[in-house]
Amino acid sequence: MANLNIPMPPALEQWVDVRLAQGRYADAADYIRDLIRRDQEAAEEDRQWVRAKIEEGFASGVIDAEPEDVLREIMARLPDA
């Protein structure tokens, strides 16, 4: 396992100390590992969301209209601002 030495400003160091004092983490390394794991999970959720939107787009089919015509039709449905 690699060791990282991360310098941080006093305000961040104090924040880490507060989180450690709450008792959820054994030490700063435990806290940092948890943050990284949660970031990885969030990134995977983002990828899944994008994939779902791409699949939704493919499933919606293709229209023959020109993009400008589609935009005009959408804008015509919007209430007056």
PDB file of N, CA and C in Angstrom:
ATOM      1  N   MET A   1       0.853  -1.171   0.000  1.00  0.00           N
ATOM      2  CA  MET A   1       0.000   0.000   0.000  1.00  0.00           C
ATOM      3  C   MET A   1       0.901   1.237   0.000  1.00  0.00           C
ATOM      4  N   ALA A   2       0.551   2.211  -0.827  1.00  0.00           N
ATOM      5  CA  ALA A   2       1.325   3.443  -0.936  1.00  0.00           C
ATOM      6  C   ALA A   2       1.001   4.384   0.216  1.00  0.00           C
ATOM      7  N   ASN A   3       1.971   5.161   0.613  1.00  0.00           N
ATOM      8  CA  ASN A   3       1.767   6.198   1.619  1.00  0.00           C
ATOM      9  C   ASN A   3       1.779   7.545   0.931  1.00  0.00           C
ATOM     10  N   LEU A   4       0.851   8.396   1.301  1.00  0.00           N
ATOM     11  CA  LEU A   4       0.778   9.746   0.766  1.00  0.00           C
ATOM     12  C   LEU A   4       1.012  10.734   1.896  1.00  0.00           C
ATOM     13  N   ASN A   5       1.750  11.760   1.597  1.00  0.00           N
ATOM     14  CA  ASN A   5       1.973  12.835   2.546  1.00  0.00           C
ATOM     15  C   ASN A   5       1.262  14.055   1.972  1.00  0.00           C
ATOM     16  N   ILE A   6       0.189  14.489   2.611  1.00  0.00           N
ATOM     17  CA  ILE A   6      -0.652  15.548   2.054  1.00  0.00           C
ATOM     18  C   ILE A   6      -0.603  16.785   2.941  1.00  0.00           C
ATOM     19  N   PRO A   7       0.070  17.831   2.479  1.00  0.00           N
ATOM     20  CA  PRO A   7       0.038  19.071   3.252  1.00  0.00           C
ATOM     21  C   PRO A   7      -1.335  19.740   3.101  1.00  0.00           C
ATOM     22  N   MET A   8      -1.806  20.339   4.176  1.00  0.00           N
ATOM     23  CA  MET A   8      -3.087  21.034   4.106  1.00  0.00           C
ATOM     24  C   MET A   8      -3.068  22.251   5.018  1.00  0.00           C
ATOM     25  N   PRO A   9      -3.864  23.240   4.656  1.00  0.00           N
ATOM     26  CA  PRO A   9      -3.931  24.443   5.484  1.00  0.00           C
ATOM     27  C   PRO A   9      -4.562  24.128   6.845  1.00  0.00           C
ATOM     28  N   PRO A  10      -4.297  24.976   7.822  1.00  0.00           N
ATOM     29  CA  PRO A  10      -4.804  24.742   9.177  1.00  0.00           C
ATOM     30  C   PRO A  10      -6.317  24.531   9.254  1.00  0.00           C
ATOM     31  N   ALA A  11      -7.079  25.261   8.448  1.00  0.00           N
ATOM     32  CA  ALA A  11      -8.539  25.123   8.507  1.00  0.00           C
ATOM     33  C   ALA A  11      -8.971  23.709   8.119  1.00  0.00           C
ATOM     34  N   LEU A  12      -8.332  23.136   7.111  1.00  0.00           N
ATOM     35  CA  LEU A  12      -8.679  21.763   6.724  1.00  0.00           C
ATOM     36  C   LEU A  12      -8.207  20.765   7.773  1.00  0.00           C
ATOM     37  N   GLU A  13      -7.059  21.022   8.331  1.00  0.00           N
ATOM     38  CA  GLU A  13      -6.549  20.132   9.379  1.00  0.00           C
ATOM     39  C   GLU A  13      -7.500  20.144  10.585  1.00  0.00           C
ATOM     40  N   GLN A  14      -8.008  21.316  10.928  1.00  0.00           N
ATOM     41  CA  GLN A  14      -8.967  21.411  12.025  1.00  0.00           C
ATOM     42  C   GLN A  14     -10.241  20.645  11.699  1.00  0.00           C
ATOM     43  N   TRP A  15     -10.674  20.728  10.437  1.00  0.00           N
ATOM     44  CA  TRP A  15     -11.877  20.000  10.032  1.00  0.00           C
ATOM     45  C   TRP A  15     -11.667  18.491  10.207  1.00  0.00           C
ATOM     46  N   VAL A  16     -10.509  18.004   9.786  1.00  0.00           N
ATOM     47  CA  VAL A  16     -10.198  16.581   9.949  1.00  0.00           C
ATOM     48  C   VAL A  16     -10.210  16.225  11.432  1.00  0.00           C
ATOM     49  N   ASP A  17      -9.624  17.073  12.263  1.00  0.00           N
ATOM     50  CA  ASP A  17      -9.612  16.815  13.711  1.00  0.00           C
ATOM     51  C   ASP A  17     -11.030  16.727  14.279  1.00  0.00           C
ATOM     52  N   VAL A  18     -11.916  17.592  13.814  1.00  0.00           N
ATOM     53  CA  VAL A  18     -13.306  17.573  14.276  1.00  0.00           C
ATOM     54  C   VAL A  18     -13.962  16.251  13.877  1.00  0.00           C
ATOM     55  N   ARG A  19     -13.747  15.842  12.635  1.00  0.00           N
ATOM     56  CA  ARG A  19     -14.346  14.588  12.173  1.00  0.00           C
ATOM     57  C   ARG A  19     -13.804  13.396  12.963  1.00  0.00           C
ATOM     58  N   LEU A  20     -12.514  13.425  13.276  1.00  0.00           N
ATOM     59  CA  LEU A  20     -11.926  12.341  14.062  1.00  0.00           C
ATOM     60  C   LEU A  20     -12.490  12.325  15.477  1.00  0.00           C
ATOM     61  N   ALA A  21     -12.707  13.499  16.042  1.00  0.00           N
ATOM     62  CA  ALA A  21     -13.240  13.596  17.398  1.00  0.00           C
ATOM     63  C   ALA A  21     -14.668  13.039  17.482  1.00  0.00           C
ATOM     64  N   GLN A  22     -15.378  13.021  16.378  1.00  0.00           N
ATOM     65  CA  GLN A  22     -16.738  12.486  16.361  1.00  0.00           C
ATOM     66  C   GLN A  22     -16.734  10.963  16.481  1.00  0.00           C
ATOM     67  N   GLY A  23     -15.582  10.352  16.328  1.00  0.00           N
ATOM     68  CA  GLY A  23     -15.440   8.933  16.583  1.00  0.00           C
ATOM     69  C   GLY A  23     -15.756   7.986  15.445  1.00  0.00           C
ATOM     70  N   ARG A  24     -16.091   8.485  14.299  1.00  0.00           N
ATOM     71  CA  ARG A  24     -16.429   7.596  13.184  1.00  0.00           C
ATOM     72  C   ARG A  24     -15.182   7.021  12.521  1.00  0.00           C
ATOM     73  N   TYR A  25     -14.068   7.722  12.610  1.00  0.00           N
ATOM     74  CA  TYR A  25     -12.837   7.321  11.936  1.00  0.00           C
ATOM     75  C   TYR A  25     -11.737   7.063  12.956  1.00  0.00           C
ATOM     76  N   ALA A  26     -10.912   6.066  12.666  1.00  0.00           N
ATOM     77  CA  ALA A  26      -9.812   5.720  13.567  1.00  0.00           C
ATOM     78  C   ALA A  26      -8.692   6.750  13.518  1.00  0.00           C
ATOM     79  N   ASP A  27      -8.444   7.269  12.332  1.00  0.00           N
ATOM     80  CA  ASP A  27      -7.379   8.260  12.155  1.00  0.00           C
ATOM     81  C   ASP A  27      -7.619   9.005  10.848  1.00  0.00           C
ATOM     82  N   ALA A  28      -6.736   9.961  10.552  1.00  0.00           N
ATOM     83  CA  ALA A  28      -6.904  10.783   9.355  1.00  0.00           C
ATOM     84  C   ALA A  28      -6.869   9.935   8.087  1.00  0.00           C
ATOM     85  N   ALA A  29      -6.024   8.922   8.063  1.00  0.00           N
ATOM     86  CA  ALA A  29      -5.941   8.062   6.878  1.00  0.00           C
ATOM     87  C   ALA A  29      -7.260   7.340   6.641  1.00  0.00           C
ATOM     88  N   ASP A  30      -7.898   6.891   7.694  1.00  0.00           N
ATOM     89  CA  ASP A  30      -9.188   6.220   7.588  1.00  0.00           C
ATOM     90  C   ASP A  30     -10.222   7.177   6.998  1.00  0.00           C
ATOM     91  N   TYR A  31     -10.215   8.405   7.452  1.00  0.00           N
ATOM     92  CA  TYR A  31     -11.136   9.429   6.955  1.00  0.00           C
ATOM     93  C   TYR A  31     -10.895   9.691   5.471  1.00  0.00           C
ATOM     94  N   ILE A  32      -9.641   9.875   5.084  1.00  0.00           N
ATOM     95  CA  ILE A  32      -9.302  10.151   3.687  1.00  0.00           C
ATOM     96  C   ILE A  32      -9.704   8.965   2.798  1.00  0.00           C
ATOM     97  N   ARG A  33      -9.437   7.746   3.254  1.00  0.00           N
ATOM     98  CA  ARG A  33      -9.830   6.567   2.464  1.00  0.00           C
ATOM     99  C   ARG A  33     -11.342   6.536   2.255  1.00  0.00           C
ATOM    100  N   ASP A  34     -12.108   6.872   3.305  1.00  0.00           N
ATOM    101  CA  ASP A  34     -13.560   6.898   3.181  1.00  0.00           C
ATOM    102  C   ASP A  34     -14.007   7.953   2.170  1.00  0.00           C
ATOM    103  N   LEU A  35     -13.394   9.126   2.224  1.00  0.00           N
ATOM    104  CA  LEU A  35     -13.736  10.179   1.259  1.00  0.00           C
ATOM    105  C   LEU A  35     -13.466   9.718  -0.169  1.00  0.00           C
ATOM    106  N   ILE A  36     -12.341   9.058  -0.374  1.00  0.00           N
ATOM    107  CA  ILE A  36     -11.991   8.594  -1.716  1.00  0.00           C
ATOM    108  C   ILE A  36     -12.972   7.518  -2.179  1.00  0.00           C
ATOM    109  N   ARG A  37     -13.317   6.595  -1.298  1.00  0.00           N
ATOM    110  CA  ARG A  37     -14.289   5.557  -1.668  1.00  0.00           C
ATOM    111  C   ARG A  37     -15.635   6.171  -2.055  1.00  0.00           C
ATOM    112  N   ARG A  38     -16.085   7.145  -1.266  1.00  0.00           N
ATOM    113  CA  ARG A  38     -17.359   7.793  -1.581  1.00  0.00           C
ATOM    114  C   ARG A  38     -17.280   8.551  -2.902  1.00  0.00           C
ATOM    115  N   ASP A  39     -16.131   9.153  -3.191  1.00  0.00           N
ATOM    116  CA  ASP A  39     -15.947   9.839  -4.463  1.00  0.00           C
ATOM    117  C   ASP A  39     -15.992   8.841  -5.618  1.00  0.00           C
ATOM    118  N   GLN A  40     -15.377   7.676  -5.433  1.00  0.00           N
ATOM    119  CA  GLN A  40     -15.426   6.638  -6.461  1.00  0.00           C
ATOM    120  C   GLN A  40     -16.865   6.196  -6.717  1.00  0.00           C
ATOM    121  N   GLU A  41     -17.632   6.005  -5.649  1.00  0.00           N
ATOM    122  CA  GLU A  41     -19.031   5.601  -5.790  1.00  0.00           C
ATOM    123  C   GLU A  41     -19.835   6.669  -6.530  1.00  0.00           C
ATOM    124  N   ALA A  42     -19.609   7.927  -6.184  1.00  0.00           N
ATOM    125  CA  ALA A  42     -20.326   9.017  -6.848  1.00  0.00           C
ATOM    126  C   ALA A  42     -19.958   9.077  -8.326  1.00  0.00           C
ATOM    127  N   ALA A  43     -18.693   8.864  -8.645  1.00  0.00           N
ATOM    128  CA  ALA A  43     -18.263   8.880 -10.043  1.00  0.00           C
ATOM    129  C   ALA A  43     -18.930   7.743 -10.814  1.00  0.00           C
ATOM    130  N   GLU A  44     -19.051   6.577 -10.195  1.00  0.00           N
ATOM    131  CA  GLU A  44     -19.709   5.449 -10.856  1.00  0.00           C
ATOM    132  C   GLU A  44     -21.190   5.742 -11.053  1.00  0.00           C
ATOM    133  N   GLU A  45     -21.833   6.364 -10.069  1.00  0.00           N
ATOM    134  CA  GLU A  45     -23.240   6.750 -10.227  1.00  0.00           C
ATOM    135  C   GLU A  45     -23.395   7.734 -11.378  1.00  0.00           C
ATOM    136  N   ASP A  46     -22.470   8.673 -11.498  1.00  0.00           N
ATOM    137  CA  ASP A  46     -22.506   9.631 -12.606  1.00  0.00           C
ATOM    138  C   ASP A  46     -22.376   8.912 -13.947  1.00  0.00           C
ATOM    139  N   ARG A  47     -21.437   7.959 -14.036  1.00  0.00           N
ATOM    140  CA  ARG A  47     -21.262   7.203 -15.281  1.00  0.00           C
ATOM    141  C   ARG A  47     -22.531   6.428 -15.628  1.00  0.00           C
ATOM    142  N   GLN A  48     -23.136   5.811 -14.625  1.00  0.00           N
ATOM    143  CA  GLN A  48     -24.364   5.053 -14.870  1.00  0.00           C
ATOM    144  C   GLN A  48     -25.489   5.979 -15.338  1.00  0.00           C
ATOM    145  N   TRP A  49     -25.579   7.165 -14.756  1.00  0.00           N
ATOM    146  CA  TRP A  49     -26.606   8.134 -15.159  1.00  0.00           C
ATOM    147  C   TRP A  49     -26.405   8.529 -16.619  1.00  0.00           C
ATOM    148  N   VAL A  50     -25.150   8.811 -17.000  1.00  0.00           N
ATOM    149  CA  VAL A  50     -24.865   9.192 -18.379  1.00  0.00           C
ATOM    150  C   VAL A  50     -25.200   8.040 -19.323  1.00  0.00           C
ATOM    151  N   ARG A  51     -24.796   6.831 -18.955  1.00  0.00           N
ATOM    152  CA  ARG A  51     -25.115   5.669 -19.796  1.00  0.00           C
ATOM    153  C   ARG A  51     -26.625   5.508 -19.968  1.00  0.00           C
ATOM    154  N   ALA A  52     -27.376   5.702 -18.890  1.00  0.00           N
ATOM    155  CA  ALA A  52     -28.832   5.583 -18.963  1.00  0.00           C
ATOM    156  C   ALA A  52     -29.416   6.641 -19.895  1.00  0.00           C
ATOM    157  N   LYS A  53     -28.883   7.858 -19.837  1.00  0.00           N
ATOM    158  CA  LYS A  53     -29.374   8.923 -20.713  1.00  0.00           C
ATOM    159  C   LYS A  53     -29.043   8.618 -22.167  1.00  0.00           C
ATOM    160  N   ILE A  54     -27.869   8.060 -22.412  1.00  0.00           N
ATOM    161  CA  ILE A  54     -27.500   7.681 -23.785  1.00  0.00           C
ATOM    162  C   ILE A  54     -28.449   6.602 -24.292  1.00  0.00           C
ATOM    163  N   GLU A  55     -28.712   5.582 -23.460  1.00  0.00           N
ATOM    164  CA  GLU A  55     -29.637   4.519 -23.856  1.00  0.00           C
ATOM    165  C   GLU A  55     -31.037   5.076 -24.096  1.00  0.00           C
ATOM    166  N   GLU A  56     -31.450   6.017 -23.235  1.00  0.00           N
ATOM    167  CA  GLU A  56     -32.753   6.650 -23.406  1.00  0.00           C
ATOM    168  C   GLU A  56     -32.818   7.376 -24.746  1.00  0.00           C
ATOM    169  N   GLY A  57     -31.731   8.051 -25.080  1.00  0.00           N
ATOM    170  CA  GLY A  57     -31.672   8.748 -26.364  1.00  0.00           C
ATOM    171  C   GLY A  57     -31.754   7.791 -27.531  1.00  0.00           C
ATOM    172  N   PHE A  58     -31.003   6.699 -27.478  1.00  0.00           N
ATOM    173  CA  PHE A  58     -31.061   5.702 -28.546  1.00  0.00           C
ATOM    174  C   PHE A  58     -32.461   5.114 -28.663  1.00  0.00           C
ATOM    175  N   ALA A  59     -33.088   4.836 -27.528  1.00  0.00           N
ATOM    176  CA  ALA A  59     -34.414   4.223 -27.524  1.00  0.00           C
ATOM    177  C   ALA A  59     -35.493   5.172 -28.041  1.00  0.00           C
ATOM    178  N   SER A  60     -35.245   6.474 -27.965  1.00  0.00           N
ATOM    179  CA  SER A  60     -36.258   7.435 -28.383  1.00  0.00           C
ATOM    180  C   SER A  60     -36.379   7.521 -29.901  1.00  0.00           C
ATOM    181  N   GLY A  61     -35.417   6.961 -30.601  1.00  0.00           N
ATOM    182  CA  GLY A  61     -35.500   6.950 -32.062  1.00  0.00           C
ATOM    183  C   GLY A  61     -34.928   8.207 -32.690  1.00  0.00           C
ATOM    184  N   VAL A  62     -35.071   8.254 -34.008  1.00  0.00           N
ATOM    185  CA  VAL A  62     -34.524   9.354 -34.804  1.00  0.00           C
ATOM    186  C   VAL A  62     -35.679  10.034 -35.518  1.00  0.00           C
ATOM    187  N   ILE A  63     -35.646  11.347 -35.564  1.00  0.00           N
ATOM    188  CA  ILE A  63     -36.684  12.078 -36.298  1.00  0.00           C
ATOM    189  C   ILE A  63     -36.078  12.623 -37.588  1.00  0.00           C
ATOM    190  N   ASP A  64     -36.953  12.870 -38.551  1.00  0.00           N
ATOM    191  CA  ASP A  64     -36.493  13.352 -39.853  1.00  0.00           C
ATOM    192  C   ASP A  64     -36.416  14.870 -39.919  1.00  0.00           C
ATOM    193  N   ALA A  65     -36.971  15.564 -38.951  1.00  0.00           N
ATOM    194  CA  ALA A  65     -37.007  17.027 -38.981  1.00  0.00           C
ATOM    195  C   ALA A  65     -35.621  17.623 -38.800  1.00  0.00           C
ATOM    196  N   GLU A  66     -35.472  18.802 -39.337  1.00  0.00           N
ATOM    197  CA  GLU A  66     -34.222  19.546 -39.162  1.00  0.00           C
ATOM    198  C   GLU A  66     -34.150  20.074 -37.730  1.00  0.00           C
ATOM    199  N   PRO A  67     -32.947  20.153 -37.157  1.00  0.00           N
ATOM    200  CA  PRO A  67     -32.807  20.645 -35.774  1.00  0.00           C
ATOM    201  C   PRO A  67     -33.446  22.013 -35.551  1.00  0.00           C
ATOM    202  N   GLU A  68     -33.316  22.901 -36.518  1.00  0.00           N
ATOM    203  CA  GLU A  68     -33.893  24.236 -36.370  1.00  0.00           C
ATOM    204  C   GLU A  68     -35.413  24.166 -36.246  1.00  0.00           C
ATOM    205  N   ASP A  69     -36.028  23.256 -37.023  1.00  0.00           N
ATOM    206  CA  ASP A  69     -37.486  23.103 -36.958  1.00  0.00           C
ATOM    207  C   ASP A  69     -37.915  22.552 -35.601  1.00  0.00           C
ATOM    208  N   VAL A  70     -37.154  21.613 -35.090  1.00  0.00           N
ATOM    209  CA  VAL A  70     -37.452  21.039 -33.774  1.00  0.00           C
ATOM    210  C   VAL A  70     -37.372  22.123 -32.707  1.00  0.00           C
ATOM    211  N   LEU A  71     -36.321  22.932 -32.755  1.00  0.00           N
ATOM    212  CA  LEU A  71     -36.168  24.016 -31.774  1.00  0.00           C
ATOM    213  C   LEU A  71     -37.305  25.021 -31.886  1.00  0.00           C
ATOM    214  N   ARG A  72     -37.701  25.374 -33.114  1.00  0.00           N
ATOM    215  CA  ARG A  72     -38.815  26.310 -33.295  1.00  0.00           C
ATOM    216  C   ARG A  72     -40.097  25.744 -32.675  1.00  0.00           C
ATOM    217  N   GLU A  73     -40.321  24.451 -32.874  1.00  0.00           N
ATOM    218  CA  GLU A  73     -41.528  23.823 -32.335  1.00  0.00           C
ATOM    219  C   GLU A  73     -41.495  23.837 -30.795  1.00  0.00           C
ATOM    220  N   ILE A  74     -40.355  23.538 -30.228  1.00  0.00           N
ATOM    221  CA  ILE A  74     -40.228  23.566 -28.766  1.00  0.00           C
ATOM    222  C   ILE A  74     -40.439  24.964 -28.229  1.00  0.00           C
ATOM    223  N   MET A  75     -39.823  25.936 -28.886  1.00  0.00           N
ATOM    224  CA  MET A  75     -39.932  27.332 -28.424  1.00  0.00           C
ATOM    225  C   MET A  75     -41.370  27.835 -28.568  1.00  0.00           C
ATOM    226  N   ALA A  76     -42.081  27.353 -29.555  1.00  0.00           N
ATOM    227  CA  ALA A  76     -43.458  27.790 -29.744  1.00  0.00           C
ATOM    228  C   ALA A  76     -44.365  27.287 -28.612  1.00  0.00           C
ATOM    229  N   ARG A  77     -43.986  26.191 -27.985  1.00  0.00           N
ATOM    230  CA  ARG A  77     -44.773  25.641 -26.870  1.00  0.00           C
ATOM    231  C   ARG A  77     -44.503  26.339 -25.539  1.00  0.00           C
ATOM    232  N   LEU A  78     -43.404  27.088 -25.453  1.00  0.00           N
ATOM    233  CA  LEU A  78     -43.044  27.741 -24.192  1.00  0.00           C
ATOM    234  C   LEU A  78     -43.987  28.920 -23.933  1.00  0.00           C
ATOM    235  N   PRO A  79     -44.361  29.104 -22.665  1.00  0.00           N
ATOM    236  CA  PRO A  79     -45.193  30.267 -22.329  1.00  0.00           C
ATOM    237  C   PRO A  79     -44.383  31.546 -22.552  1.00  0.00           C
ATOM    238  N   ASP A  80     -45.088  32.611 -22.847  1.00  0.00           N
ATOM    239  CA  ASP A  80     -44.410  33.904 -23.049  1.00  0.00           C
ATOM    240  C   ASP A  80     -43.723  34.329 -21.763  1.00  0.00           C
ATOM    241  N   ALA A  81     -42.494  34.776 -21.902  1.00  0.00           N
ATOM    242  CA  ALA A  81     -41.724  35.194 -20.722  1.00  0.00           C
ATOM    243  C   ALA A  81     -42.007  36.624 -20.368  1.00  0.00           C
TER     244      ALA A  81
END
